[in-house]
Amino acid sequence: MTGTALAEEPATSRRFGPLRELDHPARVFARLGPNWFASVMGTGIVANAAATLPVWLPGVRAAATVVWAFGALLLLALCAAWAVHWTRHTGTARGHAHDPVMAQFWGAPPMALMTVGAGTLLLGRDWIGLTPALTVNWILWTAGTLLGLFTTAWIPYRMMTTHDITRDSAFGGWLMPVVPPMVSAANGALLVEHLPAGQPRLTMLLGCYAMFGISLFATLCIVPQLWQRLLRHKTGAAATVPTVWIVLGPLGQSVTAVNLLARPAGNVLPAPYGAAADALGLFYGVAAWGFALVWLALAAALTLRIARSGLPFALTWWSFTFPVGTVVTGTSGLAARTGSLLFTVAAVALYLLLVLAWLTVAVRTAHGSYRGGLF
């Protein structure tokens, strides 16, 4: 670990104060990994999912906008803290990429950027106006997309060449570095109509479909390995059990993406491909949604089983939020496309589950951060 030496301060002086579980307050930056950005993802999706609900609920949009603002501030704070981490503890920061578990969470920063960016366009424009919201979203989407495409290739390459991978190594976190392109596809669909007609819109639309495919096929490679590991080696360490929920991320986000992309496809693609995109949004969406519900039931059952004997709090608990949020947005997309009461009720019910999960994890994270133990 690099950086200047920290002046020691008696631990007893902070026994009842903030960061009392750290040797020194400056140690808050010492081990700040990319997994912290999952808190931005989980917070942002609570806001974004509210904006997509198929029914109007009094006060929800205003509350969601406040949550979006909080997520944006949290993103700024984490980016600043991470800059300090990279400056003062460069060796540790670089070492995260060498760790076969922590390396997977390099997918969190790009998704955090794009989640806040989408929220800026969906909700933040009520406060700052459409033009500034579009500018912010374009910047965050571009940065998140470039970083996400990099992690999609870089982390699997590290796994294939330098990481020590055993037969029981597979866990839900393996999906983290390959999901960002799916988030890019879904959020990019919101930007298509803001581009000039013609080639700019066509290029954006086709690029989003390509990123949809990148993440989808990578997911199809990883989920069977996770399924096999759970069958042969069971759930493993209790702290990793929440990562089983990450599988819902690419499933729900793919349903969201394919339905959002279908909206501009009819005006951008030549016939009959616009109609085909519309049909794909429905039939792929319903099929993937069905499997997502089965996995939701499995993940909940596995979590409850482990919780009976003790489920220690860790940042992996944020896996209960963003993946569920993507299922909410995907379900809302299907409700809007079909007018089905089933999807409408399911979207609201899943959103309530998301809010409950977020409140639980956010409070536990705030408590652990105040004490310093999470750092």
Protein backbone atom coordinates (compact mmCIF):
# COMPACT_ATOMS: atom_id res chain seq x y z
CA MET A 1 0.00 0.00 0.00
CA THR A 2 1.39 3.37 -0.97
CA GLY A 3 0.80 6.85 0.40
CA THR A 4 1.99 9.03 3.22
CA ALA A 5 2.11 7.67 6.71
CA LEU A 6 -0.85 8.49 8.88
CA ALA A 7 -0.42 10.05 12.28
CA GLU A 8 -1.76 7.67 14.87
CA GLU A 9 -4.56 8.80 17.15
CA PRO A 10 -5.66 6.85 20.23
CA ALA A 11 -8.59 4.67 19.28
CA THR A 12 -10.27 5.40 22.61
CA SER A 13 -10.82 9.03 21.58
CA ARG A 14 -13.18 7.85 18.84
CA ARG A 15 -14.74 4.93 20.69
CA PHE A 16 -18.12 6.67 20.69
CA GLY A 17 -17.65 8.90 17.63
CA PRO A 18 -17.73 8.55 13.85
CA LEU A 19 -15.25 6.18 12.16
CA ARG A 20 -14.40 4.74 15.57
CA GLU A 21 -13.67 1.31 14.09
CA LEU A 22 -10.77 2.72 12.05
CA ASP A 23 -7.23 3.27 13.36
CA HIS A 24 -7.32 6.75 11.84
CA PRO A 25 -10.06 8.72 10.01
CA ALA A 26 -7.90 8.97 6.87
CA ARG A 27 -8.05 5.19 6.59
CA VAL A 28 -11.50 5.69 5.10
CA PHE A 29 -9.76 5.95 1.70
CA ALA A 30 -7.37 3.04 2.16
CA ARG A 31 -9.49 0.16 0.82
CA LEU A 32 -12.18 1.96 -1.16
CA GLY A 33 -12.93 -0.58 -3.88
CA PRO A 34 -15.10 -0.27 -7.00
CA ASN A 35 -17.81 -2.26 -5.21
CA TRP A 36 -18.83 0.95 -3.41
CA PHE A 37 -20.35 2.22 -6.67
CA ALA A 38 -23.04 -0.44 -6.31
CA SER A 39 -24.61 1.88 -3.74
CA VAL A 40 -25.07 4.50 -6.48
CA MET A 41 -26.55 1.88 -8.80
CA GLY A 42 -29.00 0.71 -6.14
CA THR A 43 -30.01 4.25 -5.20
CA GLY A 44 -30.34 5.44 -8.79
CA ILE A 45 -32.53 2.53 -9.86
CA VAL A 46 -35.04 3.33 -7.10
CA ALA A 47 -35.52 6.73 -8.72
CA ASN A 48 -35.46 5.53 -12.34
CA ALA A 49 -37.85 2.64 -11.74
CA ALA A 50 -40.37 5.02 -10.18
CA ALA A 51 -40.34 7.11 -13.36
CA THR A 52 -41.23 4.07 -15.48
CA LEU A 53 -44.12 2.68 -13.40
CA PRO A 54 -47.24 2.07 -15.50
CA VAL A 55 -49.52 3.72 -12.93
CA TRP A 56 -49.45 7.21 -11.42
CA LEU A 57 -49.00 7.29 -7.66
CA PRO A 58 -49.29 10.61 -5.79
CA GLY A 59 -45.98 12.01 -4.65
CA VAL A 60 -43.88 9.23 -6.16
CA ARG A 61 -42.26 11.34 -8.87
CA ALA A 62 -41.29 14.09 -6.43
CA ALA A 63 -39.86 11.54 -4.00
CA ALA A 64 -38.04 9.78 -6.84
CA THR A 65 -36.49 13.07 -7.95
CA VAL A 66 -35.13 13.60 -4.45
CA VAL A 67 -33.67 10.08 -4.51
CA TRP A 68 -32.10 10.81 -7.91
CA ALA A 69 -30.49 13.95 -6.49
CA PHE A 70 -29.16 11.98 -3.53
CA GLY A 71 -27.75 9.35 -5.89
CA ALA A 72 -26.07 12.05 -7.98
CA LEU A 73 -24.45 13.57 -4.88
CA LEU A 74 -23.38 10.11 -3.75
CA LEU A 75 -21.76 9.53 -7.15
CA LEU A 76 -19.84 12.80 -6.91
CA ALA A 77 -18.68 11.97 -3.37
CA LEU A 78 -17.54 8.49 -4.34
CA CYS A 79 -15.69 9.75 -7.42
CA ALA A 80 -13.85 12.28 -5.26
CA ALA A 81 -13.07 9.67 -2.60
CA TRP A 82 -11.91 7.20 -5.25
CA ALA A 83 -9.58 9.84 -6.68
CA VAL A 84 -8.02 10.19 -3.22
CA HIS A 85 -7.81 6.40 -2.97
CA TRP A 86 -5.97 6.14 -6.29
CA THR A 87 -3.64 8.99 -5.33
CA ARG A 88 -2.73 7.88 -1.82
CA HIS A 89 -3.12 4.11 -2.10
CA THR A 90 -2.17 3.39 -5.70
CA GLY A 91 -0.89 -0.10 -4.99
CA THR A 92 -4.14 -1.16 -3.35
CA ALA A 93 -6.20 0.42 -6.12
CA ARG A 94 -4.28 -1.44 -8.81
CA GLY A 95 -4.41 -4.62 -6.76
CA HIS A 96 -8.19 -4.75 -6.99
CA ALA A 97 -7.87 -5.81 -10.62
CA HIS A 98 -5.63 -8.72 -9.55
CA ASP A 99 -8.16 -10.00 -7.01
CA PRO A 100 -10.51 -12.54 -8.70
CA VAL A 101 -13.46 -11.34 -6.60
CA MET A 102 -12.94 -7.58 -6.32
CA ALA A 103 -12.01 -7.31 -10.01
CA GLN A 104 -15.58 -8.24 -10.99
CA PHE A 105 -16.91 -5.08 -9.37
CA TRP A 106 -15.08 -2.91 -11.88
CA GLY A 107 -18.39 -3.17 -13.70
CA ALA A 108 -20.08 -1.06 -11.00
CA PRO A 109 -18.56 2.38 -11.80
CA PRO A 110 -19.78 2.50 -15.44
CA MET A 111 -23.25 1.35 -14.43
CA ALA A 112 -23.34 3.93 -11.64
CA LEU A 113 -22.51 6.67 -14.15
CA MET A 114 -25.21 5.62 -16.58
CA THR A 115 -27.85 5.07 -13.89
CA VAL A 116 -27.45 8.63 -12.64
CA GLY A 117 -27.34 9.88 -16.23
CA ALA A 118 -30.63 8.20 -17.12
CA GLY A 119 -32.20 9.57 -13.95
CA THR A 120 -31.08 13.05 -14.94
CA LEU A 121 -33.05 12.77 -18.18
CA LEU A 122 -36.06 11.01 -16.67
CA LEU A 123 -36.37 13.05 -13.47
CA GLY A 124 -33.65 15.67 -13.12
CA ARG A 125 -34.97 17.66 -16.05
CA ASP A 126 -37.87 18.73 -13.82
CA TRP A 127 -35.33 20.73 -11.82
CA ILE A 128 -32.61 21.69 -14.29
CA GLY A 129 -34.41 21.70 -17.64
CA LEU A 130 -34.28 19.37 -20.64
CA THR A 131 -31.15 20.75 -22.35
CA PRO A 132 -28.86 20.57 -19.29
CA ALA A 133 -30.32 17.14 -18.44
CA LEU A 134 -29.53 15.89 -21.94
CA THR A 135 -25.99 17.22 -21.71
CA VAL A 136 -25.38 15.49 -18.38
CA ASN A 137 -26.87 12.26 -19.65
CA TRP A 138 -24.79 12.29 -22.82
CA ILE A 139 -21.60 12.82 -20.82
CA LEU A 140 -22.35 10.10 -18.27
CA TRP A 141 -23.67 7.67 -20.90
CA THR A 142 -20.57 8.12 -23.07
CA ALA A 143 -18.18 7.72 -20.15
CA GLY A 144 -20.08 4.75 -18.77
CA THR A 145 -20.35 3.06 -22.16
CA LEU A 146 -16.64 3.37 -22.93
CA LEU A 147 -15.65 2.13 -19.47
CA GLY A 148 -18.26 -0.63 -19.61
CA LEU A 149 -17.07 -1.94 -22.98
CA PHE A 150 -13.55 -1.95 -21.57
CA THR A 151 -14.50 -3.96 -18.48
CA THR A 152 -16.50 -6.40 -20.60
CA ALA A 153 -13.31 -7.46 -22.38
CA TRP A 154 -10.65 -6.63 -19.78
CA ILE A 155 -11.97 -8.50 -16.73
CA PRO A 156 -12.74 -11.76 -18.60
CA TYR A 157 -9.28 -11.49 -20.16
CA ARG A 158 -7.75 -11.23 -16.68
CA MET A 159 -9.80 -14.22 -15.59
CA MET A 160 -8.56 -16.23 -18.57
CA THR A 161 -4.90 -15.33 -18.10
CA THR A 162 -3.94 -14.38 -14.54
CA HIS A 163 -6.74 -15.02 -12.03
CA ASP A 164 -6.72 -18.26 -10.08
CA ILE A 165 -10.07 -19.79 -11.06
CA THR A 166 -11.21 -23.08 -9.51
CA ARG A 167 -14.25 -25.26 -10.17
CA ASP A 168 -16.21 -23.59 -7.38
CA SER A 169 -15.15 -20.01 -8.15
CA ALA A 170 -18.20 -18.96 -10.16
CA PHE A 171 -20.47 -16.49 -8.37
CA GLY A 172 -23.00 -13.84 -9.33
CA GLY A 173 -20.32 -11.16 -9.39
CA TRP A 174 -18.95 -12.62 -12.61
CA LEU A 175 -21.83 -10.86 -14.36
CA MET A 176 -20.88 -7.41 -13.09
CA PRO A 177 -18.23 -6.55 -15.71
CA VAL A 178 -20.37 -7.75 -18.65
CA VAL A 179 -23.70 -6.13 -17.76
CA PRO A 180 -22.70 -2.48 -18.51
CA PRO A 181 -23.27 -2.81 -22.29
CA MET A 182 -26.85 -3.87 -21.55
CA VAL A 183 -27.28 -0.75 -19.42
CA SER A 184 -25.79 1.26 -22.30
CA ALA A 185 -28.34 -0.28 -24.68
CA ALA A 186 -31.29 0.54 -22.43
CA ASN A 187 -30.18 4.07 -21.59
CA GLY A 188 -28.99 4.72 -25.14
CA ALA A 189 -32.51 4.02 -26.36
CA LEU A 190 -33.63 7.13 -24.45
CA LEU A 191 -31.17 9.23 -26.45
CA VAL A 192 -31.99 8.03 -29.97
CA GLU A 193 -34.85 10.48 -30.49
CA HIS A 194 -32.63 13.39 -29.45
CA LEU A 195 -30.23 12.78 -32.34
CA PRO A 196 -30.66 14.16 -35.87
CA ALA A 197 -32.81 11.98 -38.13
CA GLY A 198 -31.08 9.67 -40.58
CA GLN A 199 -27.68 8.07 -40.06
CA PRO A 200 -27.06 9.42 -36.51
CA ARG A 201 -30.22 7.78 -35.19
CA LEU A 202 -29.65 4.59 -37.19
CA THR A 203 -26.06 4.28 -35.97
CA MET A 204 -27.10 4.83 -32.35
CA LEU A 205 -29.94 2.33 -32.57
CA LEU A 206 -27.84 -0.39 -34.20
CA GLY A 207 -25.01 0.25 -31.75
CA CYS A 208 -27.41 -0.22 -28.84
CA TYR A 209 -28.68 -3.49 -30.30
CA ALA A 210 -25.08 -4.64 -30.69
CA MET A 211 -24.37 -3.84 -27.03
CA PHE A 212 -27.58 -5.67 -26.11
CA GLY A 213 -26.10 -8.72 -27.85
CA ILE A 214 -22.67 -8.35 -26.22
CA SER A 215 -24.13 -8.50 -22.74
CA LEU A 216 -26.79 -11.10 -23.56
CA PHE A 217 -24.36 -13.67 -24.97
CA ALA A 218 -21.83 -13.06 -22.20
CA THR A 219 -24.64 -13.65 -19.69
CA LEU A 220 -25.58 -16.88 -21.46
CA CYS A 221 -21.98 -18.04 -20.98
CA ILE A 222 -21.85 -17.19 -17.28
CA VAL A 223 -25.25 -18.13 -15.84
CA PRO A 224 -24.88 -21.87 -16.65
CA GLN A 225 -21.55 -21.87 -14.79
CA LEU A 226 -23.20 -20.28 -11.78
CA TRP A 227 -26.09 -22.74 -11.95
CA GLN A 228 -23.65 -25.67 -12.06
CA ARG A 229 -21.62 -24.29 -9.15
CA LEU A 230 -24.74 -23.92 -7.02
CA LEU A 231 -25.74 -27.50 -7.84
CA ARG A 232 -22.34 -29.02 -7.15
CA HIS A 233 -20.84 -26.78 -4.47
CA LYS A 234 -23.97 -25.13 -2.96
CA THR A 235 -24.11 -21.49 -1.89
CA GLY A 236 -20.68 -21.17 -0.27
CA ALA A 237 -19.76 -18.33 2.10
CA ALA A 238 -22.76 -16.49 3.55
CA ALA A 239 -21.39 -13.06 2.57
CA THR A 240 -21.49 -14.01 -1.13
CA VAL A 241 -25.07 -15.30 -1.14
CA PRO A 242 -26.61 -11.88 -2.02
CA THR A 243 -24.64 -11.92 -5.28
CA VAL A 244 -26.99 -14.65 -6.52
CA TRP A 245 -29.47 -11.81 -7.06
CA ILE A 246 -27.14 -10.20 -9.63
CA VAL A 247 -28.45 -12.65 -12.24
CA LEU A 248 -31.66 -10.62 -12.23
CA GLY A 249 -29.64 -7.63 -13.48
CA PRO A 250 -28.96 -8.73 -17.06
CA LEU A 251 -32.36 -10.45 -17.25
CA GLY A 252 -34.38 -7.43 -16.18
CA GLN A 253 -32.17 -4.96 -18.01
CA SER A 254 -32.42 -6.96 -21.24
CA VAL A 255 -36.23 -6.82 -21.06
CA THR A 256 -36.00 -3.09 -20.39
CA ALA A 257 -33.55 -2.54 -23.24
CA VAL A 258 -35.40 -4.53 -25.88
CA ASN A 259 -38.66 -2.70 -25.16
CA LEU A 260 -37.09 0.75 -25.01
CA LEU A 261 -35.26 0.11 -28.30
CA ALA A 262 -38.49 -0.95 -29.97
CA ARG A 263 -39.93 2.55 -29.50
CA PRO A 264 -37.65 4.39 -31.93
CA ALA A 265 -37.03 1.34 -34.12
CA GLY A 266 -40.28 1.77 -36.02
CA ASN A 267 -39.26 5.24 -37.22
CA VAL A 268 -35.56 4.52 -37.71
CA LEU A 269 -35.37 1.05 -39.27
CA PRO A 270 -36.77 0.33 -42.75
CA ALA A 271 -39.79 -1.96 -43.03
CA PRO A 272 -40.32 -4.67 -41.91
CA TYR A 273 -37.58 -4.45 -39.28
CA GLY A 274 -39.37 -1.86 -37.16
CA ALA A 275 -42.29 -4.25 -36.70
CA ALA A 276 -39.86 -7.08 -35.96
CA ALA A 277 -38.22 -5.00 -33.25
CA ASP A 278 -41.64 -4.36 -31.75
CA ALA A 279 -42.42 -8.09 -31.73
CA LEU A 280 -39.02 -8.89 -30.25
CA GLY A 281 -39.70 -6.51 -27.39
CA LEU A 282 -42.85 -8.43 -26.50
CA PHE A 283 -41.92 -12.07 -27.07
CA TYR A 284 -38.33 -11.95 -25.83
CA GLY A 285 -39.43 -9.73 -22.97
CA VAL A 286 -42.14 -12.09 -21.73
CA ALA A 287 -39.87 -15.14 -22.01
CA ALA A 288 -36.96 -13.48 -20.16
CA TRP A 289 -39.37 -12.04 -17.57
CA GLY A 290 -40.66 -15.53 -16.81
CA PHE A 291 -37.16 -16.85 -16.14
CA ALA A 292 -36.39 -13.75 -14.07
CA LEU A 293 -39.31 -14.55 -11.76
CA VAL A 294 -38.09 -18.13 -11.35
CA TRP A 295 -34.61 -16.87 -10.48
CA LEU A 296 -36.13 -14.32 -8.11
CA ALA A 297 -37.85 -17.16 -6.26
CA LEU A 298 -34.64 -19.22 -6.16
CA ALA A 299 -32.55 -16.28 -4.97
CA ALA A 300 -35.07 -15.42 -2.26
CA ALA A 301 -35.25 -19.04 -1.06
CA LEU A 302 -31.44 -19.38 -0.95
CA THR A 303 -31.12 -16.08 0.91
CA LEU A 304 -33.76 -16.96 3.49
CA ARG A 305 -32.16 -20.36 4.05
CA ILE A 306 -28.78 -18.79 4.80
CA ALA A 307 -30.35 -15.96 6.83
CA ARG A 308 -31.70 -18.46 9.34
CA SER A 309 -28.14 -19.22 10.42
CA GLY A 310 -26.88 -15.67 10.02
CA LEU A 311 -26.32 -13.41 7.02
CA PRO A 312 -23.60 -10.88 7.90
CA PHE A 313 -24.01 -7.42 6.44
CA ALA A 314 -21.59 -6.49 3.66
CA LEU A 315 -21.64 -4.28 0.59
CA THR A 316 -22.82 -7.35 -1.35
CA TRP A 317 -26.26 -6.58 0.12
CA TRP A 318 -26.58 -3.91 -2.58
CA SER A 319 -27.18 -6.89 -4.88
CA PHE A 320 -30.72 -6.86 -3.47
CA THR A 321 -31.42 -3.49 -5.11
CA PHE A 322 -30.23 -2.76 -8.66
CA PRO A 323 -31.03 -6.23 -10.08
CA VAL A 324 -34.56 -6.08 -8.66
CA GLY A 325 -34.87 -2.55 -10.02
CA THR A 326 -34.12 -3.75 -13.54
CA VAL A 327 -36.91 -6.31 -13.24
CA VAL A 328 -39.22 -3.45 -12.23
CA THR A 329 -38.29 -1.38 -15.29
CA GLY A 330 -38.57 -4.44 -17.52
CA THR A 331 -42.00 -5.29 -16.10
CA SER A 332 -43.12 -1.69 -16.54
CA GLY A 333 -42.00 -1.83 -20.16
CA LEU A 334 -44.08 -4.95 -20.77
CA ALA A 335 -47.06 -3.34 -19.04
CA ALA A 336 -46.80 -0.29 -21.29
CA ARG A 337 -46.49 -2.47 -24.39
CA THR A 338 -49.35 -4.86 -23.63
CA GLY A 339 -51.70 -3.01 -21.28
CA SER A 340 -51.73 -6.20 -19.22
CA LEU A 341 -53.06 -5.89 -15.66
CA LEU A 342 -50.72 -8.73 -14.69
CA PHE A 343 -47.63 -6.73 -15.58
CA THR A 344 -49.04 -3.55 -14.04
CA VAL A 345 -49.67 -5.20 -10.68
CA ALA A 346 -46.35 -7.04 -10.82
CA ALA A 347 -44.44 -3.79 -11.55
CA VAL A 348 -45.96 -2.05 -8.52
CA ALA A 349 -45.43 -5.06 -6.25
CA LEU A 350 -41.81 -5.45 -7.33
CA TYR A 351 -41.22 -1.74 -6.86
CA LEU A 352 -42.46 -1.93 -3.28
CA LEU A 353 -40.03 -4.84 -2.75
CA LEU A 354 -37.26 -2.71 -4.25
CA VAL A 355 -37.98 0.24 -1.96
CA LEU A 356 -38.03 -2.02 1.10
CA ALA A 357 -34.72 -3.58 0.09
CA TRP A 358 -33.14 -0.18 -0.59
CA LEU A 359 -34.25 1.27 2.73
CA THR A 360 -32.86 -1.75 4.58
CA VAL A 361 -29.51 -1.75 2.80
CA ALA A 362 -29.12 2.04 2.81
CA VAL A 363 -29.67 2.25 6.58
CA ARG A 364 -27.22 -0.59 7.24
CA THR A 365 -24.65 1.00 4.93
CA ALA A 366 -25.02 4.40 6.60
CA HIS A 367 -24.58 2.81 10.02
CA GLY A 368 -21.53 0.81 8.96
CA SER A 369 -20.02 3.85 7.26
CA TYR A 370 -20.53 6.03 10.33
CA ARG A 371 -18.77 3.50 12.52
CA GLY A 372 -16.08 2.99 9.88
CA GLY A 373 -16.28 -0.78 9.75
CA LEU A 374 -17.30 -0.90 6.09
CA PHE A 375 -14.08 0.90 5.14
